[in-house]
PDB file of N, CA and C in Angstrom:
ATOM      1  N   UNK A   1       0.838  -1.182   0.000  1.00  0.00           N
ATOM      2  CA  UNK A   1       0.000   0.000   0.000  1.00  0.00           C
ATOM      3  C   UNK A   1       0.886   1.249   0.000  1.00  0.00           C
ATOM      4  N   UNK A   2       0.360   2.337  -0.512  1.00  0.00           N
ATOM      5  CA  UNK A   2       1.209   3.503  -0.681  1.00  0.00           C
ATOM      6  C   UNK A   2       0.923   4.636   0.293  1.00  0.00           C
ATOM      7  N   UNK A   3      -0.061   4.534   1.177  1.00  0.00           N
ATOM      8  CA  UNK A   3      -0.272   5.580   2.174  1.00  0.00           C
ATOM      9  C   UNK A   3      -0.689   4.941   3.492  1.00  0.00           C
ATOM     10  N   UNK A   4      -0.497   5.678   4.563  1.00  0.00           N
ATOM     11  CA  UNK A   4      -0.820   5.165   5.894  1.00  0.00           C
ATOM     12  C   UNK A   4      -2.295   5.391   6.219  1.00  0.00           C
ATOM     13  N   UNK A   5      -2.875   4.487   6.991  1.00  0.00           N
ATOM     14  CA  UNK A   5      -4.255   4.637   7.435  1.00  0.00           C
ATOM     15  C   UNK A   5      -4.312   5.827   8.391  1.00  0.00           C
ATOM     16  N   UNK A   6      -5.339   6.663   8.245  1.00  0.00           N
ATOM     17  CA  UNK A   6      -5.493   7.804   9.128  1.00  0.00           C
ATOM     18  C   UNK A   6      -4.718   9.031   8.695  1.00  0.00           C
ATOM     19  N   UNK A   7      -3.949   8.919   7.631  1.00  0.00           N
ATOM     20  CA  UNK A   7      -3.153  10.052   7.159  1.00  0.00           C
ATOM     21  C   UNK A   7      -3.762  10.690   5.910  1.00  0.00           C
ATOM     22  N   UNK A   8      -4.911  10.231   5.489  1.00  0.00           N
ATOM     23  CA  UNK A   8      -5.514  10.760   4.274  1.00  0.00           C
ATOM     24  C   UNK A   8      -4.906  10.112   3.051  1.00  0.00           C
ATOM     25  N   UNK A   9      -5.343  10.526   1.908  1.00  0.00           N
ATOM     26  CA  UNK A   9      -4.824   9.952   0.682  1.00  0.00           C
ATOM     27  C   UNK A   9      -5.479   8.624   0.360  1.00  0.00           C
ATOM     28  N   UNK A  10      -5.229   8.147  -0.809  1.00  0.00           N
ATOM     29  CA  UNK A  10      -5.814   6.881  -1.229  1.00  0.00           C
ATOM     30  C   UNK A  10      -4.925   5.716  -0.838  1.00  0.00           C
ATOM     31  N   UNK A  11      -5.580   4.605  -0.610  1.00  0.00           N
ATOM     32  CA  UNK A  11      -4.821   3.378  -0.371  1.00  0.00           C
ATOM     33  C   UNK A  11      -4.930   2.554  -1.627  1.00  0.00           C
ATOM     34  N   UNK A  12      -3.796   2.287  -2.236  1.00  0.00           N
ATOM     35  CA  UNK A  12      -3.792   1.504  -3.468  1.00  0.00           C
ATOM     36  C   UNK A  12      -2.533   0.666  -3.521  1.00  0.00           C
ATOM     37  N   UNK A  13      -2.573  -0.380  -4.270  1.00  0.00           N
ATOM     38  CA  UNK A  13      -1.419  -1.236  -4.448  1.00  0.00           C
ATOM     39  C   UNK A  13      -0.409  -0.568  -5.364  1.00  0.00           C
ATOM     40  N   UNK A  14       0.861  -0.799  -5.083  1.00  0.00           N
ATOM     41  CA  UNK A  14       1.895  -0.235  -5.946  1.00  0.00           C
ATOM     42  C   UNK A  14       1.993  -1.078  -7.221  1.00  0.00           C
ATOM     43  N   UNK A  15       2.458  -0.462  -8.293  1.00  0.00           N
ATOM     44  CA  UNK A  15       2.564  -1.135  -9.581  1.00  0.00           C
ATOM     45  C   UNK A  15       3.986  -1.571  -9.895  1.00  0.00           C
ATOM     46  N   UNK A  16       4.939  -1.273  -9.018  1.00  0.00           N
ATOM     47  CA  UNK A  16       6.331  -1.598  -9.310  1.00  0.00           C
ATOM     48  C   UNK A  16       7.066  -1.983  -8.038  1.00  0.00           C
ATOM     49  N   UNK A  17       8.114  -2.763  -8.210  1.00  0.00           N
ATOM     50  CA  UNK A  17       8.993  -3.110  -7.109  1.00  0.00           C
ATOM     51  C   UNK A  17      10.138  -2.114  -7.047  1.00  0.00           C
ATOM     52  N   UNK A  18      10.606  -1.845  -5.854  1.00  0.00           N
ATOM     53  CA  UNK A  18      11.870  -1.132  -5.726  1.00  0.00           C
ATOM     54  C   UNK A  18      12.972  -2.179  -5.717  1.00  0.00           C
ATOM     55  N   UNK A  19      14.195  -1.731  -5.881  1.00  0.00           N
ATOM     56  CA  UNK A  19      15.317  -2.669  -5.856  1.00  0.00           C
ATOM     57  C   UNK A  19      15.411  -3.343  -4.485  1.00  0.00           C
ATOM     58  N   UNK A  20      15.190  -2.576  -3.436  1.00  0.00           N
ATOM     59  CA  UNK A  20      15.215  -3.141  -2.092  1.00  0.00           C
ATOM     60  C   UNK A  20      14.075  -4.138  -1.893  1.00  0.00           C
ATOM     61  N   UNK A  21      12.909  -3.823  -2.454  1.00  0.00           N
ATOM     62  CA  UNK A  21      11.768  -4.741  -2.355  1.00  0.00           C
ATOM     63  C   UNK A  21      12.044  -6.072  -3.035  1.00  0.00           C
ATOM     64  N   UNK A  22      12.706  -6.039  -4.158  1.00  0.00           N
ATOM     65  CA  UNK A  22      13.050  -7.284  -4.862  1.00  0.00           C
ATOM     66  C   UNK A  22      14.037  -8.089  -4.032  1.00  0.00           C
ATOM     67  N   UNK A  23      15.019  -7.403  -3.437  1.00  0.00           N
ATOM     68  CA  UNK A  23      15.990  -8.100  -2.605  1.00  0.00           C
ATOM     69  C   UNK A  23      15.303  -8.734  -1.393  1.00  0.00           C
ATOM     70  N   UNK A  24      14.361  -8.036  -0.792  1.00  0.00           N
ATOM     71  CA  UNK A  24      13.639  -8.590   0.355  1.00  0.00           C
ATOM     72  C   UNK A  24      12.771  -9.765  -0.071  1.00  0.00           C
ATOM     73  N   UNK A  25      12.142  -9.655  -1.216  1.00  0.00           N
ATOM     74  CA  UNK A  25      11.295 -10.731  -1.710  1.00  0.00           C
ATOM     75  C   UNK A  25      12.107 -11.990  -1.970  1.00  0.00           C
ATOM     76  N   UNK A  26      13.342 -11.808  -2.429  1.00  0.00           N
ATOM     77  CA  UNK A  26      14.172 -12.981  -2.724  1.00  0.00           C
ATOM     78  C   UNK A  26      14.529 -13.746  -1.454  1.00  0.00           C
ATOM     79  N   UNK A  27      14.531 -13.061  -0.323  1.00  0.00           N
ATOM     80  CA  UNK A  27      14.828 -13.770   0.921  1.00  0.00           C
ATOM     81  C   UNK A  27      13.643 -14.604   1.384  1.00  0.00           C
ATOM     82  N   UNK A  28      12.446 -14.317   0.872  1.00  0.00           N
ATOM     83  CA  UNK A  28      11.242 -15.053   1.257  1.00  0.00           C
ATOM     84  C   UNK A  28      10.956 -16.182   0.268  1.00  0.00           C
ATOM     85  N   UNK A  29      11.049 -15.879  -1.023  1.00  0.00           N
ATOM     86  CA  UNK A  29      10.732 -16.868  -2.043  1.00  0.00           C
ATOM     87  C   UNK A  29      11.967 -17.686  -2.367  1.00  0.00           C
ATOM     88  N   UNK A  30      11.832 -19.019  -2.351  1.00  0.00           N
ATOM     89  CA  UNK A  30      12.992 -19.881  -2.533  1.00  0.00           C
ATOM     90  C   UNK A  30      12.918 -20.775  -3.762  1.00  0.00           C
ATOM     91  N   UNK A  31      11.870 -20.696  -4.555  1.00  0.00           N
ATOM     92  CA  UNK A  31      11.762 -21.587  -5.714  1.00  0.00           C
ATOM     93  C   UNK A  31      12.762 -21.168  -6.795  1.00  0.00           C
ATOM     94  N   UNK A  32      13.061 -22.095  -7.687  1.00  0.00           N
ATOM     95  CA  UNK A  32      13.999 -21.807  -8.778  1.00  0.00           C
ATOM     96  C   UNK A  32      13.490 -20.675  -9.663  1.00  0.00           C
ATOM     97  N   UNK A  33      12.211 -20.690  -9.943  1.00  0.00           N
ATOM     98  CA  UNK A  33      11.618 -19.644 -10.780  1.00  0.00           C
ATOM     99  C   UNK A  33      11.713 -18.279 -10.089  1.00  0.00           C
ATOM    100  N   UNK A  34      11.460 -18.238  -8.807  1.00  0.00           N
ATOM    101  CA  UNK A  34      11.554 -16.978  -8.059  1.00  0.00           C
ATOM    102  C   UNK A  34      12.984 -16.451  -8.078  1.00  0.00           C
ATOM    103  N   UNK A  35      13.952 -17.337  -7.925  1.00  0.00           N
ATOM    104  CA  UNK A  35      15.355 -16.926  -7.959  1.00  0.00           C
ATOM    105  C   UNK A  35      15.710 -16.373  -9.337  1.00  0.00           C
ATOM    106  N   UNK A  36      15.267 -17.046 -10.403  1.00  0.00           N
ATOM    107  CA  UNK A  36      15.558 -16.591 -11.762  1.00  0.00           C
ATOM    108  C   UNK A  36      14.912 -15.219 -12.024  1.00  0.00           C
ATOM    109  N   UNK A  37      13.678 -15.043 -11.589  1.00  0.00           N
ATOM    110  CA  UNK A  37      12.997 -13.755 -11.783  1.00  0.00           C
ATOM    111  C   UNK A  37      13.681 -12.656 -10.976  1.00  0.00           C
ATOM    112  N   UNK A  38      14.139 -13.007  -9.766  1.00  0.00           N
ATOM    113  CA  UNK A  38      14.847 -12.037  -8.941  1.00  0.00           C
ATOM    114  C   UNK A  38      16.118 -11.577  -9.647  1.00  0.00           C
ATOM    115  N   UNK A  39      16.882 -12.515 -10.192  1.00  0.00           N
ATOM    116  CA  UNK A  39      18.111 -12.165 -10.923  1.00  0.00           C
ATOM    117  C   UNK A  39      17.782 -11.296 -12.127  1.00  0.00           C
ATOM    118  N   UNK A  40      16.732 -11.650 -12.838  1.00  0.00           N
ATOM    119  CA  UNK A  40      16.311 -10.875 -14.012  1.00  0.00           C
ATOM    120  C   UNK A  40      15.956  -9.440 -13.626  1.00  0.00           C
ATOM    121  N   UNK A  41      15.182  -9.294 -12.557  1.00  0.00           N
ATOM    122  CA  UNK A  41      14.748  -7.955 -12.132  1.00  0.00           C
ATOM    123  C   UNK A  41      15.935  -7.148 -11.611  1.00  0.00           C
ATOM    124  N   UNK A  42      16.829  -7.772 -10.867  1.00  0.00           N
ATOM    125  CA  UNK A  42      18.001  -7.047 -10.355  1.00  0.00           C
ATOM    126  C   UNK A  42      18.895  -6.581 -11.505  1.00  0.00           C
ATOM    127  N   UNK A  43      19.048  -7.410 -12.532  1.00  0.00           N
ATOM    128  CA  UNK A  43      19.823  -6.996 -13.707  1.00  0.00           C
ATOM    129  C   UNK A  43      19.156  -5.812 -14.409  1.00  0.00           C
ATOM    130  N   UNK A  44      17.835  -5.809 -14.426  1.00  0.00           N
ATOM    131  CA  UNK A  44      17.109  -4.683 -15.021  1.00  0.00           C
ATOM    132  C   UNK A  44      17.386  -3.397 -14.235  1.00  0.00           C
ATOM    133  N   UNK A  45      17.413  -3.496 -12.911  1.00  0.00           N
ATOM    134  CA  UNK A  45      17.733  -2.316 -12.104  1.00  0.00           C
ATOM    135  C   UNK A  45      19.155  -1.824 -12.375  1.00  0.00           C
ATOM    136  N   UNK A  46      20.088  -2.743 -12.500  1.00  0.00           N
ATOM    137  CA  UNK A  46      21.481  -2.363 -12.782  1.00  0.00           C
ATOM    138  C   UNK A  46      21.557  -1.666 -14.136  1.00  0.00           C
ATOM    139  N   UNK A  47      20.896  -2.228 -15.142  1.00  0.00           N
ATOM    140  CA  UNK A  47      20.901  -1.630 -16.483  1.00  0.00           C
ATOM    141  C   UNK A  47      20.260  -0.243 -16.465  1.00  0.00           C
ATOM    142  N   UNK A  48      19.170  -0.118 -15.720  1.00  0.00           N
ATOM    143  CA  UNK A  48      18.493   1.171 -15.611  1.00  0.00           C
ATOM    144  C   UNK A  48      19.405   2.207 -14.963  1.00  0.00           C
ATOM    145  N   UNK A  49      20.119   1.812 -13.919  1.00  0.00           N
ATOM    146  CA  UNK A  49      21.046   2.721 -13.253  1.00  0.00           C
ATOM    147  C   UNK A  49      22.163   3.136 -14.214  1.00  0.00           C
ATOM    148  N   UNK A  50      22.669   2.211 -15.016  1.00  0.00           N
ATOM    149  CA  UNK A  50      23.709   2.535 -16.003  1.00  0.00           C
ATOM    150  C   UNK A  50      23.181   3.518 -17.040  1.00  0.00           C
ATOM    151  N   UNK A  51      21.961   3.289 -17.513  1.00  0.00           N
ATOM    152  CA  UNK A  51      21.376   4.191 -18.504  1.00  0.00           C
ATOM    153  C   UNK A  51      21.192   5.594 -17.945  1.00  0.00           C
ATOM    154  N   UNK A  52      20.739   5.675 -16.695  1.00  0.00           N
ATOM    155  CA  UNK A  52      20.555   6.989 -16.085  1.00  0.00           C
ATOM    156  C   UNK A  52      21.881   7.720 -15.941  1.00  0.00           C
ATOM    157  N   UNK A  53      22.935   6.993 -15.577  1.00  0.00           N
ATOM    158  CA  UNK A  53      24.258   7.616 -15.466  1.00  0.00           C
ATOM    159  C   UNK A  53      24.729   8.109 -16.826  1.00  0.00           C
ATOM    160  N   UNK A  54      24.509   7.312 -17.863  1.00  0.00           N
ATOM    161  CA  UNK A  54      24.905   7.691 -19.213  1.00  0.00           C
ATOM    162  C   UNK A  54      24.138   8.927 -19.672  1.00  0.00           C
ATOM    163  N   UNK A  55      22.847   8.953 -19.381  1.00  0.00           N
ATOM    164  CA  UNK A  55      22.024  10.098 -19.785  1.00  0.00           C
ATOM    165  C   UNK A  55      22.506  11.382 -19.115  1.00  0.00           C
ATOM    166  N   UNK A  56      22.916  11.296 -17.850  1.00  0.00           N
ATOM    167  CA  UNK A  56      23.413  12.488 -17.162  1.00  0.00           C
ATOM    168  C   UNK A  56      24.677  12.990 -17.829  1.00  0.00           C
ATOM    169  N   UNK A  57      25.562  12.063 -18.191  1.00  0.00           N
ATOM    170  CA  UNK A  57      26.799  12.456 -18.858  1.00  0.00           C
ATOM    171  C   UNK A  57      26.491  13.097 -20.209  1.00  0.00           C
ATOM    172  N   UNK A  58      25.559  12.509 -20.954  1.00  0.00           N
ATOM    173  CA  UNK A  58      25.194  13.071 -22.255  1.00  0.00           C
ATOM    174  C   UNK A  58      24.576  14.457 -22.092  1.00  0.00           C
ATOM    175  N   UNK A  59      23.699  14.606 -21.106  1.00  0.00           N
ATOM    176  CA  UNK A  59      23.068  15.909 -20.876  1.00  0.00           C
ATOM    177  C   UNK A  59      24.122  16.956 -20.526  1.00  0.00           C
ATOM    178  N   UNK A  60      25.097  16.563 -19.719  1.00  0.00           N
ATOM    179  CA  UNK A  60      26.170  17.490 -19.344  1.00  0.00           C
ATOM    180  C   UNK A  60      26.981  17.891 -20.572  1.00  0.00           C
ATOM    181  N   UNK A  61      27.321  16.906 -21.405  1.00  0.00           N
ATOM    182  CA  UNK A  61      28.123  17.198 -22.596  1.00  0.00           C
ATOM    183  C   UNK A  61      27.352  18.063 -23.587  1.00  0.00           C
ATOM    184  N   UNK A  62      26.054  17.808 -23.741  1.00  0.00           N
ATOM    185  CA  UNK A  62      25.237  18.638 -24.641  1.00  0.00           C
ATOM    186  C   UNK A  62      25.178  20.061 -24.117  1.00  0.00           C
ATOM    187  N   UNK A  63      25.041  20.216 -22.802  1.00  0.00           N
ATOM    188  CA  UNK A  63      25.044  21.560 -22.204  1.00  0.00           C
ATOM    189  C   UNK A  63      26.345  22.292 -22.478  1.00  0.00           C
ATOM    190  N   UNK A  64      27.462  21.581 -22.360  1.00  0.00           N
ATOM    191  CA  UNK A  64      28.756  22.192 -22.650  1.00  0.00           C
ATOM    192  C   UNK A  64      28.857  22.603 -24.115  1.00  0.00           C
ATOM    193  N   UNK A  65      28.367  21.745 -25.012  1.00  0.00           N
ATOM    194  CA  UNK A  65      28.388  22.084 -26.439  1.00  0.00           C
ATOM    195  C   UNK A  65      27.520  23.302 -26.727  1.00  0.00           C
ATOM    196  N   UNK A  66      26.369  23.393 -26.065  1.00  0.00           N
ATOM    197  CA  UNK A  66      25.500  24.551 -26.275  1.00  0.00           C
ATOM    198  C   UNK A  66      26.170  25.832 -25.791  1.00  0.00           C
ATOM    199  N   UNK A  67      26.870  25.763 -24.656  1.00  0.00           N
ATOM    200  CA  UNK A  67      27.597  26.943 -24.168  1.00  0.00           C
ATOM    201  C   UNK A  67      28.662  27.362 -25.169  1.00  0.00           C
ATOM    202  N   UNK A  68      29.426  26.382 -25.673  1.00  0.00           N
ATOM    203  CA  UNK A  68      30.460  26.682 -26.666  1.00  0.00           C
ATOM    204  C   UNK A  68      29.842  27.261 -27.925  1.00  0.00           C
ATOM    205  N   UNK A  69      28.691  26.750 -28.326  1.00  0.00           N
ATOM    206  CA  UNK A  69      28.005  27.234 -29.514  1.00  0.00           C
ATOM    207  C   UNK A  69      27.585  28.688 -29.323  1.00  0.00           C
ATOM    208  N   UNK A  70      27.076  29.020 -28.131  1.00  0.00           N
ATOM    209  CA  UNK A  70      26.668  30.401 -27.860  1.00  0.00           C
ATOM    210  C   UNK A  70      27.873  31.335 -27.934  1.00  0.00           C
ATOM    211  N   UNK A  71      28.991  30.912 -27.361  1.00  0.00           N
ATOM    212  CA  UNK A  71      30.208  31.733 -27.384  1.00  0.00           C
ATOM    213  C   UNK A  71      30.672  31.936 -28.822  1.00  0.00           C
ATOM    214  N   UNK A  72      30.668  30.859 -29.603  1.00  0.00           N
ATOM    215  CA  UNK A  72      31.098  30.962 -30.997  1.00  0.00           C
ATOM    216  C   UNK A  72      30.147  31.836 -31.797  1.00  0.00           C
ATOM    217  N   UNK A  73      28.845  31.741 -31.541  1.00  0.00           N
ATOM    218  CA  UNK A  73      27.886  32.588 -32.256  1.00  0.00           C
ATOM    219  C   UNK A  73      28.125  34.059 -31.941  1.00  0.00           C
ATOM    220  N   UNK A  74      28.389  34.379 -30.681  1.00  0.00           N
ATOM    221  CA  UNK A  74      28.665  35.774 -30.315  1.00  0.00           C
ATOM    222  C   UNK A  74      29.941  36.264 -30.988  1.00  0.00           C
ATOM    223  N   UNK A  75      30.940  35.403 -31.056  1.00  0.00           N
ATOM    224  CA  UNK A  75      32.198  35.765 -31.703  1.00  0.00           C
ATOM    225  C   UNK A  75      31.985  36.009 -33.190  1.00  0.00           C
ATOM    226  N   UNK A  76      31.216  35.150 -33.829  1.00  0.00           N
ATOM    227  CA  UNK A  76      30.943  35.308 -35.266  1.00  0.00           C
ATOM    228  C   UNK A  76      30.183  36.594 -35.531  1.00  0.00           C
ATOM    229  N   UNK A  77      29.209  36.906 -34.685  1.00  0.00           N
ATOM    230  CA  UNK A  77      28.456  38.160 -34.845  1.00  0.00           C
ATOM    231  C   UNK A  77      29.390  39.354 -34.705  1.00  0.00           C
ATOM    232  N   UNK A  78      30.294  39.319 -33.722  1.00  0.00           N
ATOM    233  CA  UNK A  78      31.245  40.420 -33.537  1.00  0.00           C
ATOM    234  C   UNK A  78      32.153  40.561 -34.751  1.00  0.00           C
ATOM    235  N   UNK A  79      32.637  39.455 -35.285  1.00  0.00           N
ATOM    236  CA  UNK A  79      33.497  39.490 -36.479  1.00  0.00           C
ATOM    237  C   UNK A  79      32.731  40.058 -37.663  1.00  0.00           C
ATOM    238  N   UNK A  80      31.486  39.636 -37.844  1.00  0.00           N
ATOM    239  CA  UNK A  80      30.667  40.172 -38.947  1.00  0.00           C
ATOM    240  C   UNK A  80      30.468  41.673 -38.807  1.00  0.00           C
ATOM    241  N   UNK A  81      30.258  42.154 -37.586  1.00  0.00           N
ATOM    242  CA  UNK A  81      30.087  43.599 -37.375  1.00  0.00           C
ATOM    243  C   UNK A  81      31.346  44.366 -37.760  1.00  0.00           C
ATOM    244  N   UNK A  82      32.506  43.836 -37.385  1.00  0.00           N
ATOM    245  CA  UNK A  82      33.771  44.499 -37.725  1.00  0.00           C
ATOM    246  C   UNK A  82      33.980  44.495 -39.234  1.00  0.00           C
ATOM    247  N   UNK A  83      33.693  43.370 -39.883  1.00  0.00           N
ATOM    248  CA  UNK A  83      33.843  43.289 -41.342  1.00  0.00           C
ATOM    249  C   UNK A  83      32.905  44.276 -42.024  1.00  0.00           C
ATOM    250  N   UNK A  84      31.657  44.363 -41.551  1.00  0.00           N
ATOM    251  CA  UNK A  84      30.708  45.327 -42.128  1.00  0.00           C
ATOM    252  C   UNK A  84      31.223  46.756 -41.985  1.00  0.00           C
ATOM    253  N   UNK A  85      31.813  47.089 -40.839  1.00  0.00           N
ATOM    254  CA  UNK A  85      32.365  48.432 -40.646  1.00  0.00           C
ATOM    255  C   UNK A  85      33.526  48.686 -41.603  1.00  0.00           C
ATOM    256  N   UNK A  86      34.384  47.686 -41.769  1.00  0.00           N
ATOM    257  CA  UNK A  86      35.517  47.849 -42.686  1.00  0.00           C
ATOM    258  C   UNK A  86      35.053  48.017 -44.123  1.00  0.00           C
ATOM    259  N   UNK A  87      34.029  47.268 -44.524  1.00  0.00           N
ATOM    260  CA  UNK A  87      33.489  47.394 -45.881  1.00  0.00           C
ATOM    261  C   UNK A  87      32.875  48.772 -46.071  1.00  0.00           C
ATOM    262  N   UNK A  88      32.174  49.255 -45.071  1.00  0.00           N
ATOM    263  CA  UNK A  88      31.551  50.583 -45.166  1.00  0.00           C
ATOM    264  C   UNK A  88      32.616  51.665 -45.297  1.00  0.00           C
ATOM    265  N   UNK A  89      33.734  51.525 -44.605  1.00  0.00           N
ATOM    266  CA  UNK A  89      34.815  52.505 -44.699  1.00  0.00           C
ATOM    267  C   UNK A  89      35.433  52.484 -46.094  1.00  0.00           C
ATOM    268  N   UNK A  90      35.617  51.294 -46.679  1.00  0.00           N
ATOM    269  CA  UNK A  90      36.234  51.188 -47.992  1.00  0.00           C
ATOM    270  C   UNK A  90      35.292  51.666 -49.089  1.00  0.00           C
ATOM    271  N   UNK A  91      33.983  51.598 -48.876  1.00  0.00           N
ATOM    272  CA  UNK A  91      33.041  52.018 -49.911  1.00  0.00           C
ATOM    273  C   UNK A  91      33.046  53.521 -50.107  1.00  0.00           C
ATOM    274  N   UNK A  92      33.359  54.284 -49.074  1.00  0.00           N
ATOM    275  CA  UNK A  92      33.452  55.741 -49.242  1.00  0.00           C
ATOM    276  C   UNK A  92      34.830  56.052 -49.807  1.00  0.00           C
ATOM    277  N   UNK A  93      34.835  56.504 -51.071  1.00  0.00           N
ATOM    278  CA  UNK A  93      36.101  56.771 -51.753  1.00  0.00           C
ATOM    279  C   UNK A  93      36.640  58.127 -51.297  1.00  0.00           C
ATOM    280  N   UNK A  94      37.893  58.136 -50.945  1.00  0.00           N
ATOM    281  CA  UNK A  94      38.477  59.421 -50.517  1.00  0.00           C
ATOM    282  C   UNK A  94      38.662  60.349 -51.724  1.00  0.00           C
ATOM    283  N   UNK A  95      38.652  61.649 -51.435  1.00  0.00           N
ATOM    284  CA  UNK A  95      38.912  62.624 -52.500  1.00  0.00           C
ATOM    285  C   UNK A  95      40.358  62.497 -52.944  1.00  0.00           C
ATOM    286  N   UNK A  96      40.515  62.602 -54.262  1.00  0.00           N
ATOM    287  CA  UNK A  96      41.849  62.464 -54.829  1.00  0.00           C
ATOM    288  C   UNK A  96      42.592  63.784 -54.632  1.00  0.00           C
ATOM    289  N   UNK A  97      43.758  63.672 -54.101  1.00  0.00           N
ATOM    290  CA  UNK A  97      44.564  64.855 -53.865  1.00  0.00           C
ATOM    291  C   UNK A  97      45.780  64.785 -54.806  1.00  0.00           C
ATOM    292  N   UNK A  98      46.060  65.834 -55.399  1.00  0.00           N
ATOM    293  CA  UNK A  98      47.242  65.854 -56.226  1.00  0.00           C
ATOM    294  C   UNK A  98      46.937  66.364 -57.627  1.00  0.00           C
ATOM    295  N   UNK A  99      47.942  66.322 -58.483  1.00  0.00           N
ATOM    296  CA  UNK A  99      47.855  66.884 -59.821  1.00  0.00           C
ATOM    297  C   UNK A  99      47.415  65.801 -60.803  1.00  0.00           C
ATOM    298  N   UNK A 100      46.457  66.170 -61.688  1.00  0.00           N
ATOM    299  CA  UNK A 100      46.011  65.262 -62.730  1.00  0.00           C
ATOM    300  C   UNK A 100      46.346  65.856 -64.085  1.00  0.00           C
ATOM    301  N   UNK A 101      46.623  64.997 -64.977  1.00  0.00           N
ATOM    302  CA  UNK A 101      46.912  65.471 -66.328  1.00  0.00           C
ATOM    303  C   UNK A 101      45.851  65.046 -67.294  1.00  0.00           C
TER     304      UNK A 101
END
């Protein structure tokens, strides 16, 4: 059950085992099938924990790439602004000084 009597809330059966619950259940159930299912479920928990660790690493690396991308985008915008200023300066032709023939 998922809530205490007298504390409010609904009383309902849980739909999943925790890793600790599976370990406790294995100490009660002794049949070959129960042992095999226990091993299967524990391996699933281990795999799930590995996947969660991998996802955290991927999320961290993606965040780092996004930060680098933002920095590079700002740098590119700054470079484009400087190039635009240089082009604008070159487009205004200076007055020719000196003698012409």
